[in-house]
């Protein structure tokens, strides 16, 4: 998910939940989850270097 789409989703979530008082906690939890997905190597969604460890160039 791109940065602009993430910002839009956070804004919509916050606006939708603003009346209930749950807007900030929910947006904070989503942001924490996205940060963990981006920072913790085992949770990353892209290909890790370990996946390519045995796939060297053909000799």
Protein backbone atom coordinates (compact mmCIF):
# COMPACT_ATOMS: atom_id res chain seq x y z
CA UNK A 1 0.00 0.00 0.00
CA UNK A 2 1.40 3.37 -0.96
CA UNK A 3 1.99 6.24 1.42
CA UNK A 4 -0.80 8.40 0.02
CA UNK A 5 -3.30 5.52 0.20
CA UNK A 6 -2.25 4.83 3.79
CA UNK A 7 -2.70 8.48 4.75
CA UNK A 8 -6.12 8.53 3.09
CA UNK A 9 -7.18 5.33 4.87
CA UNK A 10 -6.03 6.73 8.22
CA UNK A 11 -7.92 9.97 7.60
CA UNK A 12 -11.11 8.16 6.67
CA UNK A 13 -10.82 5.84 9.66
CA UNK A 14 -10.23 8.74 12.04
CA UNK A 15 -13.12 10.74 10.57
CA UNK A 16 -15.50 7.79 10.67
CA UNK A 17 -14.68 7.01 14.31
CA UNK A 18 -14.29 10.60 15.58
CA UNK A 19 -17.79 10.73 17.07
CA UNK A 20 -17.23 7.58 19.10
CA UNK A 21 -13.95 8.72 20.63
CA UNK A 22 -12.19 5.66 19.21
CA UNK A 23 -10.64 7.46 16.24
CA UNK A 24 -7.21 8.14 17.69
CA UNK A 25 -6.69 4.75 19.39
CA UNK A 26 -7.71 2.84 16.25
CA UNK A 27 -5.51 4.96 13.98
CA UNK A 28 -2.63 4.60 16.46
CA UNK A 29 -3.01 0.80 16.46
CA UNK A 30 -3.10 0.68 12.65
CA UNK A 31 0.00 2.89 12.45
CA UNK A 32 1.80 0.68 14.98
CA UNK A 33 0.93 -2.43 12.97
CA UNK A 34 2.17 -0.81 9.74
CA UNK A 35 5.39 0.26 11.46
CA UNK A 36 5.97 -3.30 12.70
CA UNK A 37 5.34 -4.68 9.22
CA UNK A 38 7.91 -2.28 7.81
CA UNK A 39 10.56 -2.51 10.52
CA UNK A 40 10.59 -6.11 11.76
CA UNK A 41 12.42 -8.24 9.18
CA UNK A 42 10.37 -11.38 9.83
CA UNK A 43 7.11 -9.53 9.18
CA UNK A 44 8.10 -7.75 5.97
CA UNK A 45 5.93 -8.47 2.99
CA UNK A 46 8.71 -8.09 0.41
CA UNK A 47 11.24 -10.74 -0.48
CA UNK A 48 13.90 -11.11 2.15
CA UNK A 49 17.57 -11.73 1.27
CA UNK A 50 17.31 -15.12 2.99
CA UNK A 51 14.86 -16.29 0.33
CA UNK A 52 17.54 -15.77 -2.33
CA UNK A 53 20.42 -17.27 -0.32
CA UNK A 54 20.68 -20.43 -2.42
CA UNK A 55 19.78 -18.85 -5.74
CA UNK A 56 23.13 -17.68 -7.01
CA UNK A 57 24.05 -17.17 -10.66
CA UNK A 58 24.31 -20.34 -12.74
CA UNK A 59 27.92 -21.34 -13.30
